[in-house]
Amino acid sequence: MESDPSFPNFTPPPWWRRRFFKTIAITILCITAYYIIERQLGGRAWRAYQREAAAKGIKLRYTDFETPDIPDEENYAAVPIFRNLFTPGVAAPTSAQFVLPDLPEPDAKAKAQAPEPKPLDLAKYQQAFVKAGWISFPGSDPASDVLAALERIEGPLGEIRLASARPKTHLADQME
């Protein structure tokens, strides 16, 4: 009887190939079983810990740590001056309200030599405010002129002062 060329002659693979593939298959099966069992044991332990923690009042979820929104009447940052600082188109004019004219800097040499701080020379500040146009002409009392010039920014500063007086403002607690 002659062999038919359309049917390939089947010869079983050598014994070591079969054993190698069986070893690989058993190893993969063992690793998979290990991870499945560990996942089940870990899940059971985690659920037990959750029950125990809930009984003790321990927070485990992120949502448990969220604080409620602060109402606008108690929120320091809800003051219109702060909202305007972060509103596009309004931020530049709002921050420009706080820009002071070029005020004289204290003399660094005199500051280094003097052991005690000296009072500010308010006449220099008075001249700076006159030069910037914040006051029309210098008066006889530089202190009152400087205070009159600073009245220009009293509105925005008043808003900040009112915000600081809010009952739940943490900044008010820190400033005492």
N, C-alpha and C. Protein backbone atom coordinates (compact mmCIF):
# COMPACT_ATOMS: atom_id res chain seq x y z
N MET A 1 0.80 -1.15 0.00
CA MET A 1 0.00 0.00 0.00
C MET A 1 0.87 1.24 0.00
N GLU A 2 0.51 2.09 -0.87
CA GLU A 2 1.29 3.31 -0.99
C GLU A 2 0.67 4.40 -0.13
N SER A 3 1.50 5.34 0.34
CA SER A 3 0.97 6.43 1.15
C SER A 3 0.42 7.53 0.25
N ASP A 4 -0.68 8.08 0.70
CA ASP A 4 -1.36 9.14 -0.06
C ASP A 4 -0.68 10.47 0.27
N PRO A 5 -0.18 11.21 -0.76
CA PRO A 5 0.51 12.47 -0.47
C PRO A 5 -0.43 13.55 0.04
N SER A 6 -1.74 13.44 -0.12
CA SER A 6 -2.65 14.47 0.37
C SER A 6 -2.78 14.44 1.88
N PHE A 7 -2.51 13.31 2.50
CA PHE A 7 -2.53 13.20 3.96
C PHE A 7 -1.10 13.18 4.46
N PRO A 8 -0.75 14.19 5.31
CA PRO A 8 0.62 14.18 5.82
C PRO A 8 0.80 13.05 6.81
N ASN A 9 1.97 12.60 6.83
CA ASN A 9 2.31 11.52 7.73
C ASN A 9 2.45 12.10 9.13
N PHE A 10 1.57 11.70 10.09
CA PHE A 10 1.59 12.24 11.45
C PHE A 10 2.56 11.45 12.30
N THR A 11 3.51 12.20 12.83
CA THR A 11 4.43 11.58 13.78
C THR A 11 4.28 12.37 15.08
N PRO A 12 4.08 11.72 16.17
CA PRO A 12 3.90 12.45 17.43
C PRO A 12 5.17 13.22 17.78
N PRO A 13 5.01 14.39 18.43
CA PRO A 13 6.20 15.16 18.82
C PRO A 13 7.00 14.38 19.85
N PRO A 14 8.24 14.68 19.96
CA PRO A 14 9.07 13.97 20.93
C PRO A 14 8.53 14.18 22.35
N TRP A 15 8.81 13.27 23.23
CA TRP A 15 8.27 13.28 24.59
C TRP A 15 8.61 14.55 25.35
N TRP A 16 9.77 15.16 25.12
CA TRP A 16 10.17 16.35 25.87
C TRP A 16 9.33 17.56 25.50
N ARG A 17 8.85 17.65 24.24
CA ARG A 17 7.99 18.78 23.86
C ARG A 17 6.66 18.70 24.59
N ARG A 18 6.09 17.53 24.64
CA ARG A 18 4.81 17.37 25.35
C ARG A 18 4.98 17.73 26.81
N ARG A 19 6.02 17.24 27.42
CA ARG A 19 6.25 17.52 28.85
C ARG A 19 6.49 19.03 29.07
N PHE A 20 7.22 19.68 28.19
CA PHE A 20 7.49 21.12 28.30
C PHE A 20 6.19 21.91 28.25
N PHE A 21 5.34 21.64 27.27
CA PHE A 21 4.08 22.38 27.13
C PHE A 21 3.14 22.08 28.30
N LYS A 22 3.14 20.86 28.81
CA LYS A 22 2.32 20.55 29.98
C LYS A 22 2.82 21.33 31.20
N THR A 23 4.13 21.41 31.34
CA THR A 23 4.71 22.15 32.47
C THR A 23 4.34 23.63 32.39
N ILE A 24 4.41 24.21 31.21
CA ILE A 24 4.03 25.62 31.01
C ILE A 24 2.55 25.80 31.35
N ALA A 25 1.70 24.92 30.85
CA ALA A 25 0.26 25.03 31.10
C ALA A 25 -0.05 24.90 32.59
N ILE A 26 0.58 23.97 33.27
CA ILE A 26 0.34 23.78 34.71
C ILE A 26 0.85 24.99 35.49
N THR A 27 2.00 25.54 35.10
CA THR A 27 2.55 26.73 35.77
C THR A 27 1.59 27.91 35.63
N ILE A 28 1.08 28.16 34.42
CA ILE A 28 0.14 29.26 34.19
C ILE A 28 -1.13 29.03 35.01
N LEU A 29 -1.60 27.81 35.05
CA LEU A 29 -2.80 27.48 35.83
C LEU A 29 -2.57 27.74 37.31
N CYS A 30 -1.42 27.36 37.84
CA CYS A 30 -1.10 27.58 39.26
C CYS A 30 -1.00 29.06 39.59
N ILE A 31 -0.35 29.82 38.73
CA ILE A 31 -0.22 31.27 38.96
C ILE A 31 -1.60 31.92 38.94
N THR A 32 -2.43 31.57 37.99
CA THR A 32 -3.78 32.13 37.88
C THR A 32 -4.59 31.77 39.12
N ALA A 33 -4.52 30.53 39.56
CA ALA A 33 -5.25 30.11 40.75
C ALA A 33 -4.77 30.87 41.98
N TYR A 34 -3.45 31.06 42.09
CA TYR A 34 -2.90 31.82 43.22
C TYR A 34 -3.48 33.23 43.28
N TYR A 35 -3.48 33.94 42.15
CA TYR A 35 -3.99 35.32 42.14
C TYR A 35 -5.50 35.37 42.40
N ILE A 36 -6.24 34.41 41.90
CA ILE A 36 -7.68 34.38 42.16
C ILE A 36 -7.95 34.17 43.65
N ILE A 37 -7.23 33.24 44.26
CA ILE A 37 -7.41 32.97 45.69
C ILE A 37 -6.98 34.17 46.53
N GLU A 38 -5.84 34.79 46.19
CA GLU A 38 -5.37 35.96 46.92
C GLU A 38 -6.35 37.13 46.81
N ARG A 39 -6.92 37.31 45.63
CA ARG A 39 -7.90 38.38 45.45
C ARG A 39 -9.12 38.15 46.33
N GLN A 40 -9.58 36.91 46.40
CA GLN A 40 -10.74 36.58 47.25
C GLN A 40 -10.41 36.81 48.72
N LEU A 41 -9.25 36.35 49.16
CA LEU A 41 -8.86 36.53 50.56
C LEU A 41 -8.66 38.00 50.90
N GLY A 42 -8.03 38.74 50.00
CA GLY A 42 -7.83 40.17 50.22
C GLY A 42 -9.14 40.93 50.27
N GLY A 43 -10.07 40.60 49.37
CA GLY A 43 -11.38 41.25 49.37
C GLY A 43 -12.14 40.97 50.64
N ARG A 44 -12.06 39.74 51.12
CA ARG A 44 -12.74 39.39 52.37
C ARG A 44 -12.12 40.16 53.54
N ALA A 45 -10.80 40.24 53.58
CA ALA A 45 -10.13 40.97 54.66
C ALA A 45 -10.47 42.47 54.60
N TRP A 46 -10.53 43.06 53.40
CA TRP A 46 -10.85 44.47 53.25
C TRP A 46 -12.28 44.76 53.70
N ARG A 47 -13.22 43.89 53.34
CA ARG A 47 -14.61 44.09 53.77
C ARG A 47 -14.73 43.98 55.29
N ALA A 48 -13.97 43.07 55.87
CA ALA A 48 -13.99 42.94 57.34
C ALA A 48 -13.41 44.20 57.98
N TYR A 49 -12.34 44.72 57.43
CA TYR A 49 -11.75 45.95 57.97
C TYR A 49 -12.71 47.13 57.82
N GLN A 50 -13.41 47.21 56.68
CA GLN A 50 -14.37 48.29 56.48
C GLN A 50 -15.47 48.24 57.54
N ARG A 51 -15.99 47.05 57.82
CA ARG A 51 -17.02 46.93 58.85
C ARG A 51 -16.49 47.36 60.21
N GLU A 52 -15.27 46.93 60.52
CA GLU A 52 -14.65 47.28 61.80
C GLU A 52 -14.39 48.78 61.89
N ALA A 53 -13.90 49.37 60.82
CA ALA A 53 -13.61 50.82 60.80
C ALA A 53 -14.89 51.62 60.89
N ALA A 54 -15.94 51.19 60.21
CA ALA A 54 -17.22 51.90 60.27
C ALA A 54 -17.77 51.86 61.69
N ALA A 55 -17.57 50.77 62.39
CA ALA A 55 -18.03 50.67 63.77
C ALA A 55 -17.26 51.63 64.68
N LYS A 56 -15.98 51.88 64.35
CA LYS A 56 -15.15 52.81 65.14
C LYS A 56 -15.31 54.25 64.69
N GLY A 57 -15.95 54.47 63.54
CA GLY A 57 -16.13 55.83 63.03
C GLY A 57 -14.96 56.33 62.20
N ILE A 58 -14.12 55.45 61.70
CA ILE A 58 -12.98 55.84 60.88
C ILE A 58 -13.47 56.11 59.46
N LYS A 59 -13.00 57.22 58.88
CA LYS A 59 -13.39 57.59 57.51
C LYS A 59 -12.50 56.85 56.52
N LEU A 60 -13.13 56.24 55.53
CA LEU A 60 -12.37 55.48 54.53
C LEU A 60 -12.56 56.00 53.12
N ARG A 61 -13.59 56.75 52.88
CA ARG A 61 -13.88 57.22 51.53
C ARG A 61 -13.48 58.70 51.39
N TYR A 62 -13.10 59.07 50.20
CA TYR A 62 -12.72 60.45 49.93
C TYR A 62 -13.89 61.39 50.19
N THR A 63 -15.08 60.95 49.85
CA THR A 63 -16.25 61.82 50.04
C THR A 63 -16.52 62.09 51.51
N ASP A 64 -16.04 61.23 52.40
CA ASP A 64 -16.22 61.48 53.83
C ASP A 64 -15.39 62.67 54.30
N PHE A 65 -14.33 62.99 53.58
CA PHE A 65 -13.44 64.08 53.97
C PHE A 65 -13.82 65.41 53.33
N GLU A 66 -14.76 65.42 52.41
CA GLU A 66 -15.15 66.67 51.75
C GLU A 66 -15.87 67.57 52.74
N THR A 67 -15.52 68.84 52.67
CA THR A 67 -16.20 69.82 53.51
C THR A 67 -17.31 70.46 52.70
N PRO A 68 -18.37 70.85 53.34
CA PRO A 68 -19.45 71.50 52.60
C PRO A 68 -19.00 72.88 52.11
N ASP A 69 -19.64 73.35 51.04
CA ASP A 69 -19.32 74.67 50.52
C ASP A 69 -19.64 75.74 51.56
N ILE A 70 -18.80 76.75 51.60
CA ILE A 70 -19.00 77.85 52.55
C ILE A 70 -19.99 78.83 51.93
N PRO A 71 -21.01 79.22 52.66
CA PRO A 71 -21.96 80.20 52.11
C PRO A 71 -21.25 81.53 51.85
N ASP A 72 -21.71 82.27 50.87
CA ASP A 72 -21.06 83.52 50.48
C ASP A 72 -20.98 84.53 51.62
N GLU A 73 -21.98 84.54 52.49
CA GLU A 73 -21.93 85.52 53.59
C GLU A 73 -20.88 85.18 54.64
N GLU A 74 -20.32 83.97 54.60
CA GLU A 74 -19.27 83.58 55.52
C GLU A 74 -17.93 83.39 54.82
N ASN A 75 -17.92 83.43 53.52
CA ASN A 75 -16.73 83.12 52.73
C ASN A 75 -15.88 84.38 52.55
N TYR A 76 -14.64 84.31 52.97
CA TYR A 76 -13.73 85.45 52.86
C TYR A 76 -13.47 85.81 51.39
N ALA A 77 -13.34 84.81 50.55
CA ALA A 77 -13.02 85.04 49.14
C ALA A 77 -14.23 85.44 48.31
N ALA A 78 -15.42 85.48 48.90
CA ALA A 78 -16.62 85.85 48.15
C ALA A 78 -16.85 87.36 48.13
N VAL A 79 -15.95 88.12 48.73
CA VAL A 79 -16.07 89.58 48.71
C VAL A 79 -15.89 90.04 47.27
N PRO A 80 -16.67 91.03 46.82
CA PRO A 80 -16.59 91.45 45.41
C PRO A 80 -15.18 91.83 44.95
N ILE A 81 -14.38 92.41 45.82
CA ILE A 81 -13.04 92.82 45.40
C ILE A 81 -12.20 91.60 45.00
N PHE A 82 -12.35 90.49 45.72
CA PHE A 82 -11.60 89.28 45.38
C PHE A 82 -12.16 88.61 44.14
N ARG A 83 -13.47 88.59 44.02
CA ARG A 83 -14.07 88.00 42.81
C ARG A 83 -13.63 88.78 41.57
N ASN A 84 -13.57 90.09 41.70
CA ASN A 84 -13.15 90.91 40.55
C ASN A 84 -11.69 90.66 40.18
N LEU A 85 -10.87 90.35 41.17
CA LEU A 85 -9.46 90.08 40.89
C LEU A 85 -9.26 88.85 40.02
N PHE A 86 -10.25 87.94 40.03
CA PHE A 86 -10.12 86.71 39.25
C PHE A 86 -11.10 86.65 38.09
N THR A 87 -11.72 87.78 37.76
CA THR A 87 -12.64 87.84 36.63
C THR A 87 -11.91 88.48 35.45
N PRO A 88 -11.81 87.78 34.32
CA PRO A 88 -11.11 88.36 33.17
C PRO A 88 -11.79 89.66 32.73
N GLY A 89 -10.98 90.62 32.39
CA GLY A 89 -11.50 91.91 31.94
C GLY A 89 -11.71 92.89 33.08
N VAL A 90 -11.92 92.40 34.27
CA VAL A 90 -12.14 93.27 35.43
C VAL A 90 -10.94 93.24 36.36
N ALA A 91 -10.09 92.24 36.20
CA ALA A 91 -8.96 92.05 37.12
C ALA A 91 -7.96 93.19 37.06
N ALA A 92 -7.63 93.67 35.87
CA ALA A 92 -6.62 94.73 35.75
C ALA A 92 -7.08 96.03 36.41
N PRO A 93 -8.31 96.53 36.14
CA PRO A 93 -8.72 97.76 36.84
C PRO A 93 -8.84 97.56 38.35
N THR A 94 -9.24 96.38 38.77
CA THR A 94 -9.38 96.14 40.21
C THR A 94 -8.02 96.14 40.89
N SER A 95 -7.04 95.48 40.30
CA SER A 95 -5.72 95.47 40.92
C SER A 95 -5.04 96.83 40.81
N ALA A 96 -5.43 97.62 39.82
CA ALA A 96 -4.85 98.97 39.69
C ALA A 96 -5.30 99.88 40.83
N GLN A 97 -6.40 99.55 41.49
CA GLN A 97 -6.86 100.36 42.62
C GLN A 97 -5.88 100.32 43.78
N PHE A 98 -5.09 99.26 43.86
CA PHE A 98 -4.17 99.09 44.99
C PHE A 98 -2.75 99.56 44.68
N VAL A 99 -2.51 100.05 43.49
CA VAL A 99 -1.16 100.49 43.14
C VAL A 99 -0.91 101.86 43.74
N LEU A 100 0.10 101.93 44.57
CA LEU A 100 0.48 103.20 45.19
C LEU A 100 1.49 103.91 44.30
N PRO A 101 1.58 105.21 44.42
CA PRO A 101 2.62 105.92 43.65
C PRO A 101 4.00 105.52 44.14
N ASP A 102 5.00 105.93 43.39
CA ASP A 102 6.37 105.60 43.77
C ASP A 102 6.71 106.30 45.08
N LEU A 103 6.71 105.51 46.13
CA LEU A 103 6.99 106.05 47.46
C LEU A 103 8.48 105.94 47.73
N PRO A 104 9.04 106.86 48.49
CA PRO A 104 10.48 106.80 48.77
C PRO A 104 10.81 105.59 49.63
N GLU A 105 11.90 104.96 49.28
CA GLU A 105 12.40 103.82 50.04
C GLU A 105 13.24 104.34 51.21
N PRO A 106 13.19 103.66 52.33
CA PRO A 106 14.07 104.08 53.43
C PRO A 106 15.53 103.92 53.02
N ASP A 107 16.34 104.81 53.51
CA ASP A 107 17.76 104.79 53.19
C ASP A 107 18.40 103.54 53.81
N ALA A 108 18.97 102.68 52.96
CA ALA A 108 19.54 101.41 53.43
C ALA A 108 20.74 101.65 54.34
N LYS A 109 21.53 102.68 54.02
CA LYS A 109 22.72 102.96 54.82
C LYS A 109 22.31 103.43 56.22
N ALA A 110 21.35 104.32 56.27
CA ALA A 110 20.90 104.81 57.56
C ALA A 110 20.19 103.70 58.34
N LYS A 111 19.50 102.84 57.61
CA LYS A 111 18.78 101.74 58.25
C LYS A 111 19.77 100.75 58.88
N ALA A 112 20.91 100.52 58.22
CA ALA A 112 21.91 99.60 58.73
C ALA A 112 22.63 100.17 59.95
N GLN A 113 22.81 101.51 59.98
CA GLN A 113 23.54 102.13 61.07
C GLN A 113 22.67 102.35 62.30
N ALA A 114 21.38 102.59 62.09
CA ALA A 114 20.50 102.92 63.21
C ALA A 114 20.11 101.66 63.97
N PRO A 115 20.37 101.62 65.28
CA PRO A 115 19.98 100.45 66.05
C PRO A 115 18.46 100.40 66.29
N GLU A 116 17.84 101.56 66.37
CA GLU A 116 16.40 101.62 66.60
C GLU A 116 15.73 102.14 65.34
N PRO A 117 14.51 101.65 65.06
CA PRO A 117 13.82 102.16 63.88
C PRO A 117 13.40 103.62 64.09
N LYS A 118 13.56 104.39 63.03
CA LYS A 118 13.17 105.80 63.09
C LYS A 118 11.79 105.96 62.48
N PRO A 119 11.06 106.95 62.90
CA PRO A 119 9.73 107.17 62.30
C PRO A 119 9.88 107.57 60.83
N LEU A 120 8.87 107.25 60.08
CA LEU A 120 8.90 107.58 58.65
C LEU A 120 8.86 109.08 58.45
N ASP A 121 9.54 109.50 57.41
CA ASP A 121 9.48 110.91 57.03
C ASP A 121 8.24 111.09 56.16
N LEU A 122 7.13 111.48 56.77
CA LEU A 122 5.87 111.58 56.06
C LEU A 122 5.87 112.71 55.04
N ALA A 123 6.78 113.63 55.16
CA ALA A 123 6.87 114.71 54.17
C ALA A 123 7.26 114.14 52.80
N LYS A 124 8.13 113.14 52.79
CA LYS A 124 8.50 112.50 51.52
C LYS A 124 7.30 111.79 50.91
N TYR A 125 6.52 111.11 51.76
CA TYR A 125 5.32 110.44 51.25
C TYR A 125 4.30 111.48 50.78
N GLN A 126 4.21 112.58 51.50
CA GLN A 126 3.30 113.66 51.09
C GLN A 126 3.68 114.17 49.70
N GLN A 127 4.96 114.38 49.47
CA GLN A 127 5.42 114.85 48.16
C GLN A 127 5.15 113.82 47.07
N ALA A 128 5.31 112.53 47.39
CA ALA A 128 5.04 111.48 46.41
C ALA A 128 3.55 111.47 46.03
N PHE A 129 2.67 111.67 46.98
CA PHE A 129 1.24 111.69 46.69
C PHE A 129 0.84 112.94 45.91
N VAL A 130 1.50 114.07 46.19
CA VAL A 130 1.23 115.29 45.41
C VAL A 130 1.70 115.10 43.98
N LYS A 131 2.87 114.52 43.82
CA LYS A 131 3.44 114.27 42.49
C LYS A 131 2.56 113.32 41.68
N ALA A 132 1.97 112.31 42.34
CA ALA A 132 1.10 111.35 41.66
C ALA A 132 -0.30 111.91 41.42
N GLY A 133 -0.64 113.03 42.05
CA GLY A 133 -1.96 113.62 41.87
C GLY A 133 -3.02 113.07 42.81
N TRP A 134 -2.60 112.39 43.84
CA TRP A 134 -3.57 111.84 44.80
C TRP A 134 -4.08 112.94 45.73
N ILE A 135 -3.25 113.94 45.98
CA ILE A 135 -3.70 115.14 46.68
C ILE A 135 -3.28 116.33 45.85
N SER A 136 -4.09 117.39 45.92
CA SER A 136 -3.85 118.52 45.00
C SER A 136 -2.66 119.37 45.40
N PHE A 137 -2.50 119.67 46.66
CA PHE A 137 -1.36 120.48 47.08
C PHE A 137 -0.98 120.06 48.50
N PRO A 138 0.29 120.23 48.84
CA PRO A 138 0.73 119.84 50.19
C PRO A 138 0.21 120.82 51.23
N GLY A 139 -0.23 120.26 52.33
CA GLY A 139 -0.70 121.09 53.45
C GLY A 139 0.39 121.23 54.49
N SER A 140 0.01 121.78 55.61
CA SER A 140 1.00 121.99 56.67
C SER A 140 1.26 120.71 57.48
N ASP A 141 0.31 119.77 57.46
CA ASP A 141 0.46 118.53 58.23
C ASP A 141 0.63 117.35 57.27
N PRO A 142 1.85 116.81 57.12
CA PRO A 142 2.05 115.69 56.20
C PRO A 142 1.24 114.45 56.56
N ALA A 143 1.04 114.20 57.86
CA ALA A 143 0.30 113.00 58.27
C ALA A 143 -1.14 113.06 57.78
N SER A 144 -1.77 114.19 57.93
CA SER A 144 -3.17 114.30 57.48
C SER A 144 -3.24 114.24 55.96
N ASP A 145 -2.23 114.75 55.27
CA ASP A 145 -2.22 114.65 53.80
C ASP A 145 -2.07 113.20 53.33
N VAL A 146 -1.20 112.45 54.02
CA VAL A 146 -1.01 111.04 53.66
C VAL A 146 -2.31 110.27 53.91
N LEU A 147 -2.95 110.53 55.04
CA LEU A 147 -4.23 109.87 55.33
C LEU A 147 -5.30 110.26 54.30
N ALA A 148 -5.31 111.52 53.90
CA ALA A 148 -6.28 111.96 52.89
C ALA A 148 -6.01 111.26 51.56
N ALA A 149 -4.74 111.05 51.22
CA ALA A 149 -4.41 110.37 49.97
C ALA A 149 -4.83 108.90 50.04
N LEU A 150 -4.65 108.29 51.19
CA LEU A 150 -5.00 106.88 51.32
C LEU A 150 -6.51 106.65 51.37
N GLU A 151 -7.27 107.72 51.56
CA GLU A 151 -8.74 107.61 51.48
C GLU A 151 -9.16 107.14 50.09
N ARG A 152 -8.30 107.33 49.12
CA ARG A 152 -8.60 106.91 47.75
C ARG A 152 -8.79 105.40 47.65
N ILE A 153 -8.09 104.64 48.47
CA ILE A 153 -8.22 103.18 48.42
C ILE A 153 -9.03 102.65 49.60
N GLU A 154 -9.74 103.52 50.28
CA GLU A 154 -10.54 103.09 51.43
C GLU A 154 -11.66 102.15 51.02
N GLY A 155 -12.27 102.36 49.85
CA GLY A 155 -13.36 101.50 49.41
C GLY A 155 -12.95 100.04 49.31
N PRO A 156 -11.93 99.73 48.51
CA PRO A 156 -11.49 98.33 48.43
C PRO A 156 -10.97 97.79 49.76
N LEU A 157 -10.26 98.62 50.52
CA LEU A 157 -9.76 98.15 51.81
C LEU A 157 -10.90 97.92 52.79
N GLY A 158 -11.96 98.71 52.67
CA GLY A 158 -13.13 98.52 53.52
C GLY A 158 -13.79 97.18 53.25
N GLU A 159 -13.84 96.78 51.98
CA GLU A 159 -14.41 95.47 51.65
C GLU A 159 -13.58 94.35 52.29
N ILE A 160 -12.28 94.49 52.24
CA ILE A 160 -11.41 93.48 52.84
C ILE A 160 -11.57 93.49 54.36
N ARG A 161 -11.70 94.67 54.94
CA ARG A 161 -11.89 94.77 56.38
C ARG A 161 -13.20 94.10 56.81
N LEU A 162 -14.27 94.32 56.03
CA LEU A 162 -15.55 93.68 56.34
C LEU A 162 -15.45 92.17 56.20
N ALA A 163 -14.74 91.70 55.18
CA ALA A 163 -14.57 90.25 55.00
C ALA A 163 -13.80 89.66 56.17
N SER A 164 -12.84 90.38 56.69
CA SER A 164 -12.04 89.88 57.81
C SER A 164 -12.85 89.79 59.10
N ALA A 165 -13.93 90.55 59.18
CA ALA A 165 -14.76 90.54 60.38
C ALA A 165 -15.84 89.47 60.34
N ARG A 166 -15.92 88.71 59.27
CA ARG A 166 -16.94 87.66 59.18
C ARG A 166 -16.67 86.60 60.24
N PRO A 167 -17.74 86.02 60.80
CA PRO A 167 -17.56 85.15 61.97
C PRO A 167 -16.74 83.89 61.74
N LYS A 168 -16.81 83.30 60.57
CA LYS A 168 -16.08 82.05 60.35
C LYS A 168 -14.83 82.25 59.51
N THR A 169 -14.32 83.47 59.46
CA THR A 169 -13.12 83.76 58.71
C THR A 169 -11.91 83.36 59.54
N HIS A 170 -11.09 82.48 59.01
CA HIS A 170 -9.91 82.03 59.74
C HIS A 170 -8.87 83.12 59.83
N LEU A 171 -8.86 84.03 58.86
CA LEU A 171 -7.90 85.11 58.89
C LEU A 171 -8.14 86.00 60.10
N ALA A 172 -9.39 86.21 60.47
CA ALA A 172 -9.70 87.03 61.64
C ALA A 172 -9.13 86.40 62.90
N ASP A 173 -9.15 85.08 62.99
CA ASP A 173 -8.60 84.38 64.16
C ASP A 173 -7.08 84.52 64.21
N GLN A 174 -6.44 84.53 63.05
CA GLN A 174 -4.99 84.57 63.00
C GLN A 174 -4.46 85.99 63.31
N MET A 175 -5.27 86.99 63.04
CA MET A 175 -4.80 88.37 63.22
C MET A 175 -4.89 88.83 64.66
N GLU A 176 -5.58 88.10 65.50
CA GLU A 176 -5.72 88.52 66.91
C GLU A 176 -4.48 88.28 67.70
